[in-house]
Amino acid sequence: MTIDEIQDEIIEEFRELDDWMDRYQLLIDMGNDAEPLDEKYKTEQNLIDGCQSRVWLQADIIDGRVRFMAESDALIVKGIVALLIRVYNDQTPDDILASDPYFIKEIGLSEHLSPTRSNGLLAMLKQMKMYALAFKAKGN
């Protein structure tokens, strides 16, 4: 699936839920369903700056596609990072860099997060794009 197809799928899932408490629950469920991050990746180097909670993000490139893994110690943040991984995982660095994460605005996420969580979301997104840029620069 392309990044836009995944984003459209997410928008549809959230559109079915009118109440923001239900949307938060969906985020929490996504975080709980996410694969736990191996302890060896929970390092200072993988911590994302700018997040109030602790968020670890690991990225590798396999066969020209970026493979993301992450975890957070906060339930909603864990769901947010799981959502970002769903969008960007297993995509090429070029596709990640060229993408517009319009789903964030479309599902109302940016306006329903606290300012610190919004900053954290932007920091996670920025870090994912930085990994893509680094992999592209290395020619992977």
N, C-alpha and C. Protein backbone atom coordinates (compact mmCIF):
# COMPACT_ATOMS: atom_id res chain seq x y z
N MET A 1 0.83 -1.20 0.00
CA MET A 1 0.00 0.00 0.00
C MET A 1 0.87 1.25 0.00
N THR A 2 0.38 2.28 -0.64
CA THR A 2 1.12 3.54 -0.62
C THR A 2 0.83 4.27 0.69
N ILE A 3 1.65 5.27 0.97
CA ILE A 3 1.45 6.08 2.18
C ILE A 3 0.07 6.73 2.15
N ASP A 4 -0.34 7.28 1.02
CA ASP A 4 -1.64 7.93 0.93
C ASP A 4 -2.80 6.94 1.12
N GLU A 5 -2.66 5.74 0.59
CA GLU A 5 -3.71 4.73 0.77
C GLU A 5 -3.85 4.37 2.25
N ILE A 6 -2.73 4.26 2.93
CA ILE A 6 -2.76 3.96 4.37
C ILE A 6 -3.39 5.12 5.14
N GLN A 7 -3.02 6.35 4.78
CA GLN A 7 -3.60 7.51 5.44
C GLN A 7 -5.11 7.55 5.23
N ASP A 8 -5.56 7.28 4.02
CA ASP A 8 -7.00 7.29 3.74
C ASP A 8 -7.73 6.21 4.55
N GLU A 9 -7.09 5.07 4.73
CA GLU A 9 -7.66 3.99 5.53
C GLU A 9 -7.81 4.44 6.99
N ILE A 10 -6.80 5.11 7.51
CA ILE A 10 -6.83 5.61 8.89
C ILE A 10 -7.94 6.66 9.05
N ILE A 11 -8.04 7.55 8.08
CA ILE A 11 -9.08 8.59 8.13
C ILE A 11 -10.46 7.95 8.20
N GLU A 12 -10.68 6.90 7.41
CA GLU A 12 -11.97 6.20 7.42
C GLU A 12 -12.25 5.56 8.78
N GLU A 13 -11.23 4.94 9.37
CA GLU A 13 -11.39 4.30 10.68
C GLU A 13 -11.79 5.33 11.74
N PHE A 14 -11.14 6.48 11.72
CA PHE A 14 -11.43 7.50 12.72
C PHE A 14 -12.76 8.20 12.43
N ARG A 15 -13.12 8.31 11.16
CA ARG A 15 -14.36 8.97 10.79
C ARG A 15 -15.58 8.23 11.36
N GLU A 16 -15.44 6.93 11.54
CA GLU A 16 -16.53 6.12 12.08
C GLU A 16 -16.80 6.43 13.55
N LEU A 17 -15.86 7.08 14.22
CA LEU A 17 -15.99 7.39 15.64
C LEU A 17 -16.24 8.88 15.82
N ASP A 18 -17.41 9.23 16.33
CA ASP A 18 -17.76 10.64 16.52
C ASP A 18 -17.15 11.22 17.79
N ASP A 19 -17.12 10.43 18.82
CA ASP A 19 -16.69 10.90 20.13
C ASP A 19 -15.17 10.81 20.27
N TRP A 20 -14.56 11.88 20.79
CA TRP A 20 -13.11 11.87 20.93
C TRP A 20 -12.62 10.89 21.98
N MET A 21 -13.46 10.54 22.94
CA MET A 21 -13.05 9.52 23.91
C MET A 21 -12.89 8.17 23.20
N ASP A 22 -13.76 7.91 22.23
CA ASP A 22 -13.65 6.68 21.44
C ASP A 22 -12.39 6.71 20.57
N ARG A 23 -12.07 7.87 20.05
CA ARG A 23 -10.86 8.01 19.22
C ARG A 23 -9.60 7.82 20.07
N TYR A 24 -9.61 8.37 21.29
CA TYR A 24 -8.48 8.14 22.20
C TYR A 24 -8.35 6.66 22.51
N GLN A 25 -9.49 6.00 22.72
CA GLN A 25 -9.46 4.56 23.00
C GLN A 25 -8.89 3.79 21.82
N LEU A 26 -9.24 4.20 20.61
CA LEU A 26 -8.68 3.56 19.41
C LEU A 26 -7.16 3.73 19.38
N LEU A 27 -6.69 4.93 19.71
CA LEU A 27 -5.24 5.16 19.77
C LEU A 27 -4.58 4.27 20.81
N ILE A 28 -5.19 4.18 21.99
CA ILE A 28 -4.64 3.35 23.06
C ILE A 28 -4.60 1.89 22.62
N ASP A 29 -5.68 1.44 21.96
CA ASP A 29 -5.72 0.06 21.48
C ASP A 29 -4.62 -0.20 20.45
N MET A 30 -4.40 0.78 19.56
CA MET A 30 -3.33 0.64 18.56
C MET A 30 -1.98 0.51 19.25
N GLY A 31 -1.77 1.32 20.27
CA GLY A 31 -0.52 1.25 21.02
C GLY A 31 -0.34 -0.08 21.72
N ASN A 32 -1.43 -0.58 22.31
CA ASN A 32 -1.38 -1.87 23.01
C ASN A 32 -1.17 -3.03 22.06
N ASP A 33 -1.66 -2.89 20.83
CA ASP A 33 -1.52 -3.95 19.83
C ASP A 33 -0.14 -3.94 19.15
N ALA A 34 0.58 -2.84 19.32
CA ALA A 34 1.88 -2.71 18.66
C ALA A 34 2.89 -3.70 19.25
N GLU A 35 3.79 -4.11 18.39
CA GLU A 35 4.85 -5.01 18.80
C GLU A 35 5.75 -4.30 19.80
N PRO A 36 6.06 -4.92 20.94
CA PRO A 36 6.95 -4.24 21.89
C PRO A 36 8.36 -4.10 21.30
N LEU A 37 9.00 -3.01 21.67
CA LEU A 37 10.36 -2.75 21.19
C LEU A 37 11.34 -3.59 22.00
N ASP A 38 12.25 -4.23 21.32
CA ASP A 38 13.28 -5.02 21.98
C ASP A 38 14.07 -4.11 22.92
N GLU A 39 14.35 -4.61 24.10
CA GLU A 39 15.07 -3.83 25.13
C GLU A 39 16.40 -3.27 24.62
N LYS A 40 17.05 -3.97 23.70
CA LYS A 40 18.36 -3.50 23.20
C LYS A 40 18.25 -2.17 22.45
N TYR A 41 17.02 -1.82 22.00
CA TYR A 41 16.82 -0.56 21.28
C TYR A 41 16.38 0.58 22.19
N LYS A 42 16.12 0.28 23.44
CA LYS A 42 15.70 1.32 24.39
C LYS A 42 16.94 2.01 24.96
N THR A 43 17.57 2.78 24.09
CA THR A 43 18.81 3.47 24.44
C THR A 43 18.61 4.98 24.37
N GLU A 44 19.55 5.71 24.96
CA GLU A 44 19.53 7.18 24.89
C GLU A 44 19.51 7.64 23.43
N GLN A 45 20.28 6.97 22.61
CA GLN A 45 20.41 7.35 21.20
C GLN A 45 19.06 7.26 20.46
N ASN A 46 18.20 6.34 20.88
CA ASN A 46 16.91 6.15 20.22
C ASN A 46 15.78 6.96 20.85
N LEU A 47 16.05 7.65 21.94
CA LEU A 47 15.03 8.50 22.56
C LEU A 47 14.78 9.72 21.68
N ILE A 48 13.53 10.09 21.52
CA ILE A 48 13.19 11.25 20.69
C ILE A 48 13.17 12.50 21.55
N ASP A 49 13.95 13.49 21.15
CA ASP A 49 13.95 14.78 21.84
C ASP A 49 12.65 15.50 21.51
N GLY A 50 12.10 16.20 22.49
CA GLY A 50 10.90 17.00 22.23
C GLY A 50 9.63 16.31 22.68
N CYS A 51 9.73 15.09 23.18
CA CYS A 51 8.56 14.39 23.69
C CYS A 51 8.56 14.47 25.20
N GLN A 52 7.40 14.75 25.77
CA GLN A 52 7.28 14.81 27.22
C GLN A 52 7.45 13.41 27.80
N SER A 53 6.84 12.42 27.15
CA SER A 53 7.02 11.04 27.59
C SER A 53 8.25 10.48 26.89
N ARG A 54 8.64 9.32 27.34
CA ARG A 54 9.80 8.70 26.69
C ARG A 54 9.32 7.91 25.48
N VAL A 55 9.93 8.19 24.33
CA VAL A 55 9.61 7.49 23.09
C VAL A 55 10.92 7.06 22.46
N TRP A 56 11.02 5.77 22.21
CA TRP A 56 12.20 5.22 21.54
C TRP A 56 11.79 4.87 20.12
N LEU A 57 12.64 5.26 19.17
CA LEU A 57 12.37 4.96 17.76
C LEU A 57 13.62 4.36 17.14
N GLN A 58 13.45 3.18 16.59
CA GLN A 58 14.53 2.47 15.92
C GLN A 58 14.17 2.35 14.45
N ALA A 59 15.13 2.61 13.57
CA ALA A 59 14.88 2.46 12.13
C ALA A 59 16.03 1.69 11.49
N ASP A 60 15.67 0.83 10.57
CA ASP A 60 16.65 0.08 9.78
C ASP A 60 16.18 0.13 8.33
N ILE A 61 17.11 -0.09 7.43
CA ILE A 61 16.71 -0.17 6.02
C ILE A 61 16.95 -1.58 5.55
N ILE A 62 15.90 -2.16 4.98
CA ILE A 62 15.96 -3.54 4.52
C ILE A 62 15.39 -3.57 3.10
N ASP A 63 16.24 -3.98 2.16
CA ASP A 63 15.84 -4.05 0.75
C ASP A 63 15.26 -2.72 0.25
N GLY A 64 15.88 -1.61 0.65
CA GLY A 64 15.48 -0.30 0.16
C GLY A 64 14.25 0.29 0.83
N ARG A 65 13.75 -0.38 1.86
CA ARG A 65 12.56 0.11 2.58
C ARG A 65 12.90 0.31 4.05
N VAL A 66 12.33 1.36 4.62
CA VAL A 66 12.63 1.69 6.01
C VAL A 66 11.71 0.88 6.93
N ARG A 67 12.31 0.25 7.89
CA ARG A 67 11.57 -0.55 8.88
C ARG A 67 11.67 0.17 10.22
N PHE A 68 10.52 0.65 10.71
CA PHE A 68 10.48 1.37 11.97
C PHE A 68 9.95 0.48 13.09
N MET A 69 10.50 0.68 14.28
CA MET A 69 10.00 0.05 15.50
C MET A 69 10.06 1.13 16.57
N ALA A 70 9.06 1.13 17.45
CA ALA A 70 9.05 2.16 18.48
C ALA A 70 8.25 1.71 19.68
N GLU A 71 8.43 2.46 20.76
CA GLU A 71 7.65 2.23 21.96
C GLU A 71 7.67 3.49 22.80
N SER A 72 6.64 3.63 23.62
CA SER A 72 6.58 4.76 24.53
C SER A 72 6.09 4.26 25.88
N ASP A 73 6.39 5.03 26.92
CA ASP A 73 5.92 4.66 28.25
C ASP A 73 4.57 5.31 28.57
N ALA A 74 3.98 6.02 27.62
CA ALA A 74 2.67 6.65 27.81
C ALA A 74 1.67 6.04 26.82
N LEU A 75 0.48 5.70 27.30
CA LEU A 75 -0.49 4.97 26.48
C LEU A 75 -0.89 5.67 25.18
N ILE A 76 -1.31 6.94 25.28
CA ILE A 76 -1.76 7.64 24.07
C ILE A 76 -0.58 7.88 23.12
N VAL A 77 0.56 8.22 23.67
CA VAL A 77 1.75 8.45 22.84
C VAL A 77 2.17 7.16 22.14
N LYS A 78 2.04 6.05 22.83
CA LYS A 78 2.35 4.75 22.24
C LYS A 78 1.42 4.51 21.04
N GLY A 79 0.17 4.93 21.16
CA GLY A 79 -0.78 4.80 20.06
C GLY A 79 -0.45 5.73 18.90
N ILE A 80 -0.01 6.94 19.24
CA ILE A 80 0.35 7.90 18.19
C ILE A 80 1.55 7.39 17.39
N VAL A 81 2.55 6.88 18.09
CA VAL A 81 3.74 6.38 17.38
C VAL A 81 3.37 5.12 16.58
N ALA A 82 2.45 4.30 17.09
CA ALA A 82 2.00 3.12 16.34
C ALA A 82 1.30 3.56 15.05
N LEU A 83 0.55 4.65 15.13
CA LEU A 83 -0.14 5.20 13.97
C LEU A 83 0.87 5.69 12.93
N LEU A 84 1.89 6.40 13.38
CA LEU A 84 2.93 6.89 12.47
C LEU A 84 3.68 5.72 11.81
N ILE A 85 3.95 4.71 12.61
CA ILE A 85 4.64 3.53 12.05
C ILE A 85 3.76 2.85 11.00
N ARG A 86 2.48 2.77 11.27
CA ARG A 86 1.57 2.17 10.29
C ARG A 86 1.65 2.90 8.96
N VAL A 87 1.77 4.22 8.99
CA VAL A 87 1.83 5.02 7.78
C VAL A 87 3.18 4.87 7.07
N TYR A 88 4.27 4.93 7.83
CA TYR A 88 5.60 5.03 7.21
C TYR A 88 6.41 3.74 7.16
N ASN A 89 5.99 2.72 7.89
CA ASN A 89 6.77 1.49 7.92
C ASN A 89 6.78 0.81 6.56
N ASP A 90 7.94 0.28 6.20
CA ASP A 90 8.10 -0.49 4.98
C ASP A 90 7.89 0.35 3.71
N GLN A 91 8.18 1.64 3.81
CA GLN A 91 8.11 2.55 2.66
C GLN A 91 9.55 2.92 2.27
N THR A 92 9.72 3.43 1.08
CA THR A 92 11.06 3.85 0.65
C THR A 92 11.39 5.21 1.26
N PRO A 93 12.68 5.51 1.43
CA PRO A 93 13.05 6.84 1.94
C PRO A 93 12.46 7.96 1.09
N ASP A 94 12.47 7.82 -0.24
CA ASP A 94 11.91 8.86 -1.12
C ASP A 94 10.43 9.08 -0.85
N ASP A 95 9.68 7.99 -0.69
CA ASP A 95 8.24 8.12 -0.44
C ASP A 95 7.97 8.78 0.91
N ILE A 96 8.76 8.43 1.90
CA ILE A 96 8.60 9.02 3.24
C ILE A 96 8.88 10.52 3.17
N LEU A 97 9.96 10.88 2.51
CA LEU A 97 10.34 12.29 2.42
C LEU A 97 9.34 13.11 1.61
N ALA A 98 8.74 12.51 0.61
CA ALA A 98 7.81 13.24 -0.26
C ALA A 98 6.39 13.30 0.31
N SER A 99 6.15 12.55 1.36
CA SER A 99 4.77 12.45 1.87
C SER A 99 4.33 13.67 2.66
N ASP A 100 3.03 13.89 2.61
CA ASP A 100 2.38 14.92 3.41
C ASP A 100 1.50 14.18 4.41
N PRO A 101 1.79 14.28 5.70
CA PRO A 101 0.99 13.54 6.69
C PRO A 101 -0.36 14.21 6.94
N TYR A 102 -1.20 14.25 5.90
CA TYR A 102 -2.49 14.95 5.99
C TYR A 102 -3.48 14.27 6.93
N PHE A 103 -3.25 12.99 7.22
CA PHE A 103 -4.19 12.28 8.09
C PHE A 103 -4.25 12.89 9.48
N ILE A 104 -3.16 13.50 9.93
CA ILE A 104 -3.11 14.10 11.27
C ILE A 104 -4.18 15.18 11.41
N LYS A 105 -4.26 16.03 10.40
CA LYS A 105 -5.27 17.10 10.41
C LYS A 105 -6.66 16.53 10.14
N GLU A 106 -6.74 15.61 9.19
CA GLU A 106 -8.04 15.05 8.80
C GLU A 106 -8.76 14.33 9.94
N ILE A 107 -8.03 13.65 10.79
CA ILE A 107 -8.69 12.94 11.90
C ILE A 107 -8.83 13.83 13.13
N GLY A 108 -8.31 15.07 13.04
CA GLY A 108 -8.45 16.02 14.14
C GLY A 108 -7.47 15.80 15.26
N LEU A 109 -6.43 15.04 14.99
CA LEU A 109 -5.47 14.69 16.03
C LEU A 109 -4.75 15.92 16.58
N SER A 110 -4.28 16.78 15.68
CA SER A 110 -3.51 17.94 16.14
C SER A 110 -4.31 18.86 17.04
N GLU A 111 -5.61 19.00 16.78
CA GLU A 111 -6.40 19.91 17.61
C GLU A 111 -6.91 19.28 18.90
N HIS A 112 -6.80 17.95 19.03
CA HIS A 112 -7.28 17.28 20.24
C HIS A 112 -6.14 16.79 21.15
N LEU A 113 -4.93 17.15 20.81
CA LEU A 113 -3.80 16.79 21.67
C LEU A 113 -3.37 18.01 22.47
N SER A 114 -2.81 17.76 23.63
CA SER A 114 -2.26 18.87 24.41
C SER A 114 -1.07 19.43 23.63
N PRO A 115 -0.68 20.68 23.91
CA PRO A 115 0.48 21.25 23.19
C PRO A 115 1.74 20.41 23.32
N THR A 116 1.96 19.81 24.49
CA THR A 116 3.18 18.99 24.64
C THR A 116 3.09 17.72 23.80
N ARG A 117 1.89 17.11 23.72
CA ARG A 117 1.74 15.91 22.89
C ARG A 117 1.84 16.27 21.41
N SER A 118 1.31 17.44 21.02
CA SER A 118 1.44 17.88 19.63
C SER A 118 2.90 18.08 19.27
N ASN A 119 3.66 18.67 20.18
CA ASN A 119 5.10 18.84 19.95
C ASN A 119 5.78 17.49 19.83
N GLY A 120 5.37 16.55 20.66
CA GLY A 120 5.93 15.20 20.59
C GLY A 120 5.62 14.52 19.27
N LEU A 121 4.39 14.69 18.80
CA LEU A 121 3.98 14.14 17.51
C LEU A 121 4.87 14.70 16.39
N LEU A 122 5.07 16.00 16.41
CA LEU A 122 5.94 16.63 15.40
C LEU A 122 7.37 16.13 15.52
N ALA A 123 7.84 15.93 16.74
CA ALA A 123 9.20 15.43 16.95
C ALA A 123 9.35 14.00 16.42
N MET A 124 8.33 13.17 16.62
CA MET A 124 8.37 11.78 16.11
C MET A 124 8.39 11.80 14.58
N LEU A 125 7.53 12.61 14.00
CA LEU A 125 7.45 12.72 12.55
C LEU A 125 8.78 13.22 11.97
N LYS A 126 9.33 14.23 12.60
CA LYS A 126 10.61 14.79 12.15
C LYS A 126 11.71 13.72 12.22
N GLN A 127 11.73 12.94 13.30
CA GLN A 127 12.76 11.91 13.44
C GLN A 127 12.61 10.83 12.38
N MET A 128 11.39 10.46 12.06
CA MET A 128 11.18 9.45 11.01
C MET A 128 11.68 9.97 9.67
N LYS A 129 11.40 11.23 9.39
CA LYS A 129 11.87 11.81 8.13
C LYS A 129 13.40 11.95 8.12
N MET A 130 13.98 12.22 9.29
CA MET A 130 15.46 12.31 9.38
C MET A 130 16.10 10.96 9.09
N TYR A 131 15.50 9.90 9.62
CA TYR A 131 16.01 8.55 9.31
C TYR A 131 15.93 8.31 7.80
N ALA A 132 14.80 8.66 7.19
CA ALA A 132 14.63 8.46 5.75
C ALA A 132 15.68 9.24 4.97
N LEU A 133 15.92 10.46 5.41
CA LEU A 133 16.93 11.32 4.75
C LEU A 133 18.32 10.70 4.88
N ALA A 134 18.64 10.20 6.07
CA ALA A 134 19.95 9.58 6.30
C ALA A 134 20.12 8.34 5.43
N PHE A 135 19.08 7.51 5.34
CA PHE A 135 19.17 6.31 4.51
C PHE A 135 19.29 6.68 3.03
N LYS A 136 18.59 7.71 2.61
CA LYS A 136 18.67 8.16 1.22
C LYS A 136 20.08 8.68 0.91
N ALA A 137 20.64 9.45 1.85
CA ALA A 137 21.99 10.00 1.66
C ALA A 137 23.05 8.89 1.56
N LYS A 138 22.81 7.80 2.28
CA LYS A 138 23.75 6.67 2.23
C LYS A 138 23.56 5.84 0.97
N GLY A 139 22.50 6.15 0.23
CA GLY A 139 22.24 5.42 -1.01
C GLY A 139 21.58 4.09 -0.81
N ASN A 140 20.93 3.93 0.33
CA ASN A 140 20.25 2.64 0.59
C ASN A 140 18.87 2.62 0.00
